[in-house]
Amino acid sequence: MQMTIAVLEDNEDRIGVMERYLDDKFPFYESRFFRSAGAAIDWLREHLDQTICLALDHDLERPQGEPDPGSGREVAEFLATNQTRFPIVIHTTNQHAAIAMEALLDDSGWTVSRVCPYGDLQWVSESWLPAVRAAIVAQAARVARSKASRDI
């Protein structure tokens, strides 16, 4: 079963840069991008065990003529009702929403880190990618320890 890095993000420029970095740095994981909270939740319902890391934006733009895409908070609320399985990296300029999402997930036992976008797209390589890398490395170590303890 191939593990997946899932990302809730609606900005095409951000998606393009994130996708290039993930493909380059983590070619052995699948990358899945979602532009709406509903699509992310629908996918997560079936793939929680396949997810190694989730990156969440909060504010999602509503394309003209399209349904409301929701927000990262909806995904956080869904995850709060599930057993923790993987780390989450919150990336949003909406600091109030980020604090609330982080508190909700943290209170539910999830491992959460947070980065704040800045300077057009430079934050993706300087802050976001290192946070995703740290989350994946920590998750892989947890999985390896868990497997080793089951094998004993």
Protein backbone atom coordinates (compact mmCIF):
# COMPACT_ATOMS: atom_id res chain seq x y z
CA MET A 1 0.00 0.00 0.00
CA GLN A 2 1.52 3.33 -1.07
CA MET A 3 1.41 6.04 1.57
CA THR A 4 0.07 9.46 0.67
CA ILE A 5 0.87 13.05 1.58
CA ALA A 6 -2.49 14.83 1.42
CA VAL A 7 -2.79 18.60 1.03
CA LEU A 8 -5.83 20.87 1.34
CA GLU A 9 -4.96 23.94 -0.75
CA ASP A 10 -6.90 25.98 -3.28
CA ASN A 11 -4.24 28.32 -4.68
CA GLU A 12 -2.91 27.06 -8.03
CA ASP A 13 0.51 28.70 -7.59
CA ARG A 14 0.95 27.15 -4.15
CA ILE A 15 -0.22 23.76 -5.40
CA GLY A 16 2.25 23.86 -8.27
CA VAL A 17 5.22 24.66 -6.02
CA MET A 18 4.16 22.22 -3.30
CA GLU A 19 3.64 19.44 -5.82
CA ARG A 20 7.09 19.98 -7.37
CA TYR A 21 8.77 19.89 -3.95
CA LEU A 22 6.87 16.81 -2.81
CA ASP A 23 7.57 14.96 -6.06
CA ASP A 24 11.26 15.87 -5.81
CA LYS A 25 11.81 15.22 -2.10
CA PHE A 26 9.33 12.38 -1.52
CA PRO A 27 9.03 10.44 -4.80
CA PHE A 28 8.13 7.24 -2.94
CA TYR A 29 4.90 8.79 -1.58
CA GLU A 30 1.85 9.77 -3.56
CA SER A 31 0.79 13.42 -3.32
CA ARG A 32 -2.95 14.23 -3.32
CA PHE A 33 -4.26 17.78 -3.46
CA PHE A 34 -7.78 18.80 -2.53
CA ARG A 35 -9.38 22.16 -3.29
CA SER A 36 -12.37 21.69 -1.00
CA ALA A 37 -12.90 20.46 2.53
CA GLY A 38 -15.61 18.07 1.36
CA ALA A 39 -13.33 16.38 -1.17
CA ALA A 40 -10.59 16.02 1.44
CA ILE A 41 -12.98 14.55 4.01
CA ASP A 42 -14.49 12.14 1.48
CA TRP A 43 -11.02 10.89 0.54
CA LEU A 44 -9.80 10.70 4.16
CA ARG A 45 -12.83 8.60 5.18
CA GLU A 46 -11.47 5.83 2.97
CA HIS A 47 -7.73 6.49 3.26
CA LEU A 48 -6.85 7.44 6.85
CA ASP A 49 -4.54 4.43 7.09
CA GLN A 50 -2.79 5.38 3.83
CA THR A 51 -2.01 8.94 4.88
CA ILE A 52 1.46 9.69 6.24
CA CYS A 53 0.96 13.46 6.58
CA LEU A 54 -1.78 16.02 5.97
CA ALA A 55 -1.18 19.71 5.21
CA LEU A 56 -4.18 21.95 5.85
CA ASP A 57 -4.96 25.44 4.65
CA HIS A 58 -7.89 27.15 6.35
CA ASP A 59 -9.34 29.78 4.03
CA LEU A 60 -10.43 28.36 0.70
CA GLU A 61 -11.57 30.68 -2.10
CA ARG A 62 -14.94 30.06 -3.66
CA PRO A 63 -14.54 29.93 -7.45
CA GLN A 64 -17.27 31.89 -9.22
CA GLY A 65 -20.26 29.67 -9.91
CA GLU A 66 -18.87 26.83 -7.77
CA PRO A 67 -20.17 25.50 -4.44
CA ASP A 68 -18.62 26.72 -1.20
CA PRO A 69 -15.34 24.78 -0.73
CA GLY A 70 -15.58 24.98 3.06
CA SER A 71 -12.49 25.44 5.19
CA GLY A 72 -9.68 23.56 6.81
CA ARG A 73 -11.62 23.79 10.08
CA GLU A 74 -14.16 21.30 8.67
CA VAL A 75 -11.38 18.81 7.98
CA ALA A 76 -9.98 19.38 11.47
CA GLU A 77 -13.43 18.74 12.97
CA PHE A 78 -13.72 15.50 10.99
CA LEU A 79 -10.26 14.37 12.13
CA ALA A 80 -11.04 15.23 15.75
CA THR A 81 -13.67 12.47 15.70
CA ASN A 82 -11.16 9.85 14.50
CA GLN A 83 -8.29 8.01 16.12
CA THR A 84 -5.00 9.78 15.52
CA ARG A 85 -2.91 8.24 12.76
CA PHE A 86 -0.59 10.83 11.15
CA PRO A 87 0.83 14.32 11.74
CA ILE A 88 -0.81 17.47 10.43
CA VAL A 89 0.86 20.66 9.20
CA ILE A 90 -1.39 23.73 9.22
CA HIS A 91 -0.44 26.44 6.73
CA THR A 92 -2.63 29.54 6.70
CA THR A 93 -2.28 33.29 7.06
CA ASN A 94 -5.47 33.28 9.14
CA GLN A 95 -3.78 33.10 12.53
CA HIS A 96 -7.00 33.01 14.57
CA ALA A 97 -8.26 30.05 12.56
CA ALA A 98 -4.86 28.35 12.74
CA ILE A 99 -4.80 28.62 16.53
CA ALA A 100 -8.34 27.21 16.77
CA MET A 101 -7.59 24.33 14.39
CA GLU A 102 -4.37 23.51 16.19
CA ALA A 103 -6.11 23.52 19.59
CA LEU A 104 -8.95 21.30 18.34
CA LEU A 105 -6.56 18.76 16.82
CA ASP A 106 -4.11 18.89 19.72
CA ASP A 107 -6.95 18.33 22.22
CA SER A 108 -7.96 15.28 20.16
CA GLY A 109 -4.45 13.80 20.36
CA TRP A 110 -3.19 14.67 16.88
CA THR A 111 0.40 15.81 16.32
CA VAL A 112 0.20 19.29 14.80
CA SER A 113 2.67 21.88 13.59
CA ARG A 114 1.95 25.24 12.04
CA VAL A 115 3.60 27.52 9.50
CA CYS A 116 2.50 30.96 8.39
CA PRO A 117 2.83 31.77 4.68
CA TYR A 118 4.93 34.83 3.83
CA GLY A 119 6.77 36.43 0.92
CA ASP A 120 4.78 35.11 -2.02
CA LEU A 121 5.87 31.45 -2.33
CA GLN A 122 9.28 31.43 -0.64
CA TRP A 123 7.68 30.14 2.58
CA VAL A 124 6.90 26.84 0.85
CA SER A 125 10.58 25.84 0.64
CA GLU A 126 11.75 27.70 3.74
CA SER A 127 9.03 26.74 6.25
CA TRP A 128 6.38 24.41 4.86
CA LEU A 129 8.61 21.78 3.27
CA PRO A 130 10.83 21.43 6.40
CA ALA A 131 7.69 21.11 8.55
CA VAL A 132 6.27 18.43 6.24
CA ARG A 133 9.64 16.63 6.18
CA ALA A 134 9.88 16.68 9.99
CA ALA A 135 6.31 15.38 10.27
CA ILE A 136 6.97 12.54 7.83
CA VAL A 137 10.25 11.55 9.48
CA ALA A 138 8.60 11.51 12.90
CA GLN A 139 5.66 9.49 11.57
CA ALA A 140 7.92 6.96 9.87
CA ALA A 141 9.84 6.53 13.13
CA ARG A 142 6.57 6.02 15.07
CA VAL A 143 5.41 3.41 12.56
CA ALA A 144 8.75 1.60 12.71
CA ARG A 145 8.70 1.57 16.55
CA SER A 146 5.12 0.31 16.55
CA LYS A 147 5.93 -2.44 14.08
CA ALA A 148 9.04 -3.44 16.05
CA SER A 149 7.07 -3.66 19.29
CA ARG A 150 4.44 -5.88 17.59
CA ASP A 151 7.18 -8.15 16.26
CA ILE A 152 8.58 -8.77 19.75
